[in-house]
Amino acid sequence: MTWYRDWFGTPYYAMLYGHRDGSEARPWVGTIIDRTGIRPGSCVLDVACGRGRHALWFAQAGMQVEGIDISPENIAEAQALVPQGRFHVHDMREPFAIERCDLVVSLFTSLGYFTEPEDDQRAVNACVQALRPGGWFVVDFMNTPRMLEQLVPEEEVRRNGVVFHIRRVVRGRFVFKMIDVTDKGCTHHFEERVEAIVPEELERMVTRAGASIVDRTDGPRPTPFDPVLSDRFVLWARRPLQ
């Protein structure tokens, strides 16, 4: 089993990242809709959709929402949260909804999970392939150089009586997060591993996939991306009309 299959569908993942909820997702979705100009009825594909917190607000805005995720547990939660949407257990590296979508989003660092760099390129390729000509691709990733400068080697987080002991380390191309979860006297070990893709490489990946870069911003804020000060790197791209 891969780390993301082991970890993403667990209740502990949802507990640790519970602060990333609908209250955070709603204004972000509003920003995306405003900047891309998509209208009610547009097809939106949420890649690595998790439990559907972004998909919910796209659906509330009248979009036709589809979501894919590797976790069956996440897909079941998303379908229950957004019954009017369509959600599928699917590997993001494989093509899906080819040329059907007006917008494809990859939010909350949903790339860089794979051991081989070509697999990340395959995932980006599949996202761009899902776009109709003129469709938008929005990628929300960490600003890797700033993240590495501010890396917290160790911390402890408590959620509802559950203790998360978290250690972070950089090994080669990857940032590892080792998570020991202590719940009712039992300890469970999980791991996250994300490739430290720098903004310039992410741009090259999107361009290689056939999309054109339109803008770069600092997370959901409309301010331009600053390589030194921005915590997030959001890339706005479009598939050419021809």
Protein backbone atom coordinates (compact mmCIF):
# COMPACT_ATOMS: atom_id res chain seq x y z
CA MET A 1 0.00 0.00 0.00
CA THR A 2 1.13 3.56 -0.68
CA TRP A 3 1.20 6.15 2.10
CA TYR A 4 -1.75 8.11 0.68
CA ARG A 5 -3.95 5.03 0.44
CA ASP A 6 -3.14 4.21 4.07
CA TRP A 7 -3.64 7.72 5.42
CA PHE A 8 -6.17 9.81 3.50
CA GLY A 9 -9.25 7.73 4.25
CA THR A 10 -8.67 7.52 8.01
CA PRO A 11 -10.66 9.46 10.61
CA TYR A 12 -7.33 10.69 12.00
CA TYR A 13 -6.53 12.50 8.74
CA ALA A 14 -9.89 14.25 8.90
CA MET A 15 -9.27 15.09 12.56
CA LEU A 16 -5.78 16.51 12.04
CA TYR A 17 -6.84 18.69 9.12
CA GLY A 18 -10.32 19.48 10.41
CA HIS A 19 -9.52 23.20 10.45
CA ARG A 20 -9.40 23.02 6.64
CA ASP A 21 -13.17 23.12 6.46
CA GLY A 22 -15.98 24.69 4.50
CA SER A 23 -15.47 28.11 6.06
CA GLU A 24 -12.01 28.18 4.48
CA ALA A 25 -13.13 26.60 1.19
CA ARG A 26 -16.09 28.89 0.47
CA PRO A 27 -14.18 32.17 -0.17
CA TRP A 28 -11.49 30.30 -2.11
CA VAL A 29 -14.11 28.81 -4.43
CA GLY A 30 -15.66 32.25 -4.84
CA THR A 31 -12.30 33.68 -5.87
CA ILE A 32 -11.81 30.92 -8.44
CA ILE A 33 -15.26 31.47 -9.94
CA ASP A 34 -14.72 35.23 -10.14
CA ARG A 35 -11.25 35.00 -11.71
CA THR A 36 -12.11 32.34 -14.28
CA GLY A 37 -15.55 33.72 -15.16
CA ILE A 38 -17.20 30.30 -15.25
CA ARG A 39 -20.98 30.39 -15.11
CA PRO A 40 -23.68 28.21 -13.54
CA GLY A 41 -23.91 24.96 -15.45
CA SER A 42 -20.18 24.84 -16.15
CA CYS A 43 -18.45 21.50 -15.58
CA VAL A 44 -15.93 21.56 -12.71
CA LEU A 45 -13.60 18.65 -11.94
CA ASP A 46 -12.07 18.57 -8.45
CA VAL A 47 -8.94 16.39 -8.58
CA ALA A 48 -8.05 14.73 -5.26
CA CYS A 49 -11.35 16.09 -3.99
CA GLY A 50 -11.08 14.64 -0.50
CA ARG A 51 -14.36 14.78 1.38
CA GLY A 52 -15.83 17.39 -0.95
CA ARG A 53 -15.36 20.67 0.94
CA HIS A 54 -14.52 22.62 -2.24
CA ALA A 55 -16.92 20.65 -4.44
CA LEU A 56 -19.78 21.64 -2.12
CA TRP A 57 -19.36 25.35 -2.82
CA PHE A 58 -18.91 24.87 -6.54
CA ALA A 59 -22.19 22.94 -6.52
CA GLN A 60 -23.89 25.63 -4.40
CA ALA A 61 -22.85 28.13 -7.09
CA GLY A 62 -24.71 26.08 -9.71
CA MET A 63 -21.79 24.24 -11.28
CA GLN A 64 -21.94 20.65 -12.51
CA VAL A 65 -19.41 19.09 -10.17
CA GLU A 66 -17.39 15.93 -10.53
CA GLY A 67 -14.67 14.79 -8.17
CA ILE A 68 -12.03 12.09 -8.16
CA ASP A 69 -10.01 10.73 -5.25
CA ILE A 70 -8.00 7.59 -4.55
CA SER A 71 -9.81 6.98 -1.24
CA PRO A 72 -13.17 5.17 -1.30
CA GLU A 73 -13.90 6.59 2.16
CA ASN A 74 -13.38 10.14 0.92
CA ILE A 75 -15.55 9.55 -2.13
CA ALA A 76 -18.39 8.20 0.02
CA GLU A 77 -18.17 11.26 2.29
CA ALA A 78 -18.07 13.65 -0.69
CA GLN A 79 -21.09 12.03 -2.34
CA ALA A 80 -23.05 12.31 0.91
CA LEU A 81 -22.05 15.97 1.32
CA VAL A 82 -22.77 16.90 -2.31
CA PRO A 83 -25.52 14.55 -3.51
CA GLN A 84 -25.99 16.49 -6.75
CA GLY A 85 -22.33 15.93 -7.68
CA ARG A 86 -20.71 12.86 -9.19
CA PHE A 87 -17.72 11.38 -7.40
CA HIS A 88 -15.44 8.56 -8.46
CA VAL A 89 -12.63 6.49 -6.97
CA HIS A 90 -9.92 7.19 -9.52
CA ASP A 91 -6.14 7.47 -9.80
CA MET A 92 -5.33 11.03 -10.87
CA ARG A 93 -2.54 9.78 -13.14
CA GLU A 94 -5.09 8.17 -15.45
CA PRO A 95 -7.14 10.24 -17.95
CA PHE A 96 -10.66 11.13 -16.85
CA ALA A 97 -13.48 13.19 -18.39
CA ILE A 98 -11.41 13.98 -21.48
CA GLU A 99 -12.29 17.43 -22.93
CA ARG A 100 -15.45 17.66 -20.80
CA CYS A 101 -14.56 20.29 -18.23
CA ASP A 102 -14.60 24.08 -18.12
CA LEU A 103 -12.47 24.11 -14.97
CA VAL A 104 -10.15 21.60 -13.32
CA VAL A 105 -8.84 22.34 -9.83
CA SER A 106 -6.01 20.74 -7.86
CA LEU A 107 -6.19 22.34 -4.41
CA PHE A 108 -4.45 21.99 -1.03
CA THR A 109 -1.17 20.49 -2.30
CA SER A 110 -2.67 17.58 -4.24
CA LEU A 111 0.41 16.88 -6.39
CA GLY A 112 3.84 15.50 -5.59
CA TYR A 113 2.63 12.27 -4.01
CA PHE A 114 4.42 9.84 -6.28
CA THR A 115 7.89 8.30 -6.16
CA GLU A 116 8.67 8.96 -9.82
CA PRO A 117 8.53 12.52 -11.24
CA GLU A 118 6.98 11.23 -14.46
CA ASP A 119 3.93 10.15 -12.45
CA ASP A 120 3.37 13.74 -11.33
CA GLN A 121 3.65 14.81 -14.96
CA ARG A 122 1.08 12.16 -15.89
CA ALA A 123 -1.28 13.60 -13.27
CA VAL A 124 -0.87 17.12 -14.67
CA ASN A 125 -1.34 15.79 -18.22
CA ALA A 126 -4.61 14.14 -17.20
CA CYS A 127 -5.86 17.40 -15.67
CA VAL A 128 -5.20 19.36 -18.85
CA GLN A 129 -6.67 16.59 -21.02
CA ALA A 130 -9.93 16.93 -19.08
CA LEU A 131 -10.31 20.55 -20.20
CA ARG A 132 -12.37 21.76 -23.10
CA PRO A 133 -10.49 24.22 -25.33
CA GLY A 134 -10.35 27.47 -23.39
CA GLY A 135 -10.92 25.70 -20.07
CA TRP A 136 -9.10 26.70 -16.88
CA PHE A 137 -6.66 24.71 -14.74
CA VAL A 138 -6.00 26.05 -11.22
CA VAL A 139 -3.22 24.47 -9.15
CA ASP A 140 -2.76 25.34 -5.48
CA PHE A 141 0.63 24.17 -4.18
CA MET A 142 3.04 25.15 -1.44
CA ASN A 143 5.73 27.73 -2.13
CA THR A 144 8.42 25.13 -1.68
CA PRO A 145 11.50 27.33 -1.04
CA ARG A 146 9.68 29.30 1.68
CA MET A 147 8.25 26.11 3.19
CA LEU A 148 11.73 24.58 3.43
CA GLU A 149 13.09 27.71 5.11
CA GLN A 150 10.31 27.61 7.71
CA LEU A 151 10.15 23.84 8.20
CA VAL A 152 9.17 22.92 11.77
CA PRO A 153 11.12 19.74 12.60
CA GLU A 154 8.81 18.55 15.36
CA GLU A 155 5.49 19.47 16.95
CA GLU A 156 2.61 18.02 18.93
CA VAL A 157 -1.03 18.62 18.05
CA ARG A 158 -4.04 17.65 20.18
CA ARG A 159 -7.50 17.13 18.76
CA ASN A 160 -10.41 15.86 20.89
CA GLY A 161 -8.12 13.95 23.23
CA VAL A 162 -6.09 12.42 20.39
CA VAL A 163 -2.37 13.33 20.32
CA PHE A 164 -0.52 13.76 17.01
CA HIS A 165 3.26 13.75 17.33
CA ILE A 166 4.61 15.09 14.04
CA ARG A 167 8.19 15.04 12.76
CA ARG A 168 9.31 16.57 9.46
CA VAL A 169 12.47 15.87 7.51
CA VAL A 170 13.76 16.47 3.98
CA ARG A 171 15.21 13.45 2.18
CA GLY A 172 16.32 13.96 -1.38
CA ARG A 173 13.44 15.40 -3.44
CA PHE A 174 10.82 14.77 -0.78
CA VAL A 175 9.50 16.31 2.41
CA PHE A 176 8.48 13.57 4.83
CA LYS A 177 6.00 14.04 7.65
CA MET A 178 5.99 11.18 10.17
CA ILE A 179 2.81 11.18 12.24
CA ASP A 180 2.40 9.11 15.41
CA VAL A 181 -1.21 9.16 16.58
CA THR A 182 -1.96 8.21 20.18
CA ASP A 183 -5.63 7.46 20.81
CA LYS A 184 -6.92 5.78 23.99
CA GLY A 185 -3.50 4.35 24.80
CA CYS A 186 -2.86 2.94 21.31
CA THR A 187 -0.33 4.47 18.91
CA HIS A 188 -0.73 4.37 15.13
CA HIS A 189 1.94 5.45 12.67
CA PHE A 190 1.25 7.26 9.40
CA GLU A 191 3.40 9.10 6.91
CA GLU A 192 3.07 11.84 4.34
CA ARG A 193 5.57 12.32 1.54
CA VAL A 194 5.35 15.22 -0.89
CA GLU A 195 7.86 16.07 -3.58
CA ALA A 196 9.42 19.49 -3.05
CA ILE A 197 8.36 20.80 -6.47
CA VAL A 198 9.53 24.39 -6.92
CA PRO A 199 7.24 26.91 -8.67
CA GLU A 200 9.37 27.01 -11.83
CA GLU A 201 9.16 23.23 -12.25
CA LEU A 202 5.40 23.22 -11.67
CA GLU A 203 5.07 25.82 -14.42
CA ARG A 204 7.13 23.65 -16.75
CA MET A 205 4.94 20.63 -15.97
CA VAL A 206 1.75 22.55 -16.79
CA THR A 207 3.26 23.95 -19.99
CA ARG A 208 4.46 20.50 -21.08
CA ALA A 209 0.91 19.24 -20.60
CA GLY A 210 -0.31 21.77 -23.16
CA ALA A 211 -1.75 24.60 -21.05
CA SER A 212 -0.72 28.25 -21.16
CA ILE A 213 0.19 30.12 -17.97
CA VAL A 214 -2.11 33.08 -17.30
CA ASP A 215 -1.20 34.21 -13.77
CA ARG A 216 0.49 33.33 -10.47
CA THR A 217 -0.99 34.39 -7.13
CA ASP A 218 -0.34 34.09 -3.41
CA GLY A 219 -2.89 31.48 -2.43
CA PRO A 220 -6.54 32.52 -2.67
CA ARG A 221 -5.61 36.17 -2.20
CA PRO A 222 -5.59 38.25 -5.39
CA THR A 223 -2.07 39.50 -4.65
CA PRO A 224 0.72 38.49 -7.05
CA PHE A 225 2.94 35.59 -6.09
CA ASP A 226 6.10 36.65 -4.25
CA PRO A 227 8.85 33.98 -4.32
CA VAL A 228 10.21 35.18 -0.97
CA LEU A 229 7.08 36.07 1.02
CA SER A 230 4.22 33.92 -0.33
CA ASP A 231 3.31 30.78 1.61
CA ARG A 232 1.30 29.34 -1.28
CA PHE A 233 1.81 29.23 -5.03
CA VAL A 234 -1.34 29.24 -7.14
CA LEU A 235 -0.93 28.76 -10.86
CA TRP A 236 -3.71 29.84 -13.22
CA ALA A 237 -3.53 28.27 -16.67
CA ARG A 238 -5.80 27.68 -19.68
CA ARG A 239 -6.00 25.16 -22.44
CA PRO A 240 -5.62 26.99 -25.78
CA LEU A 241 -8.70 27.39 -27.95
CA GLN A 242 -6.92 25.75 -30.89
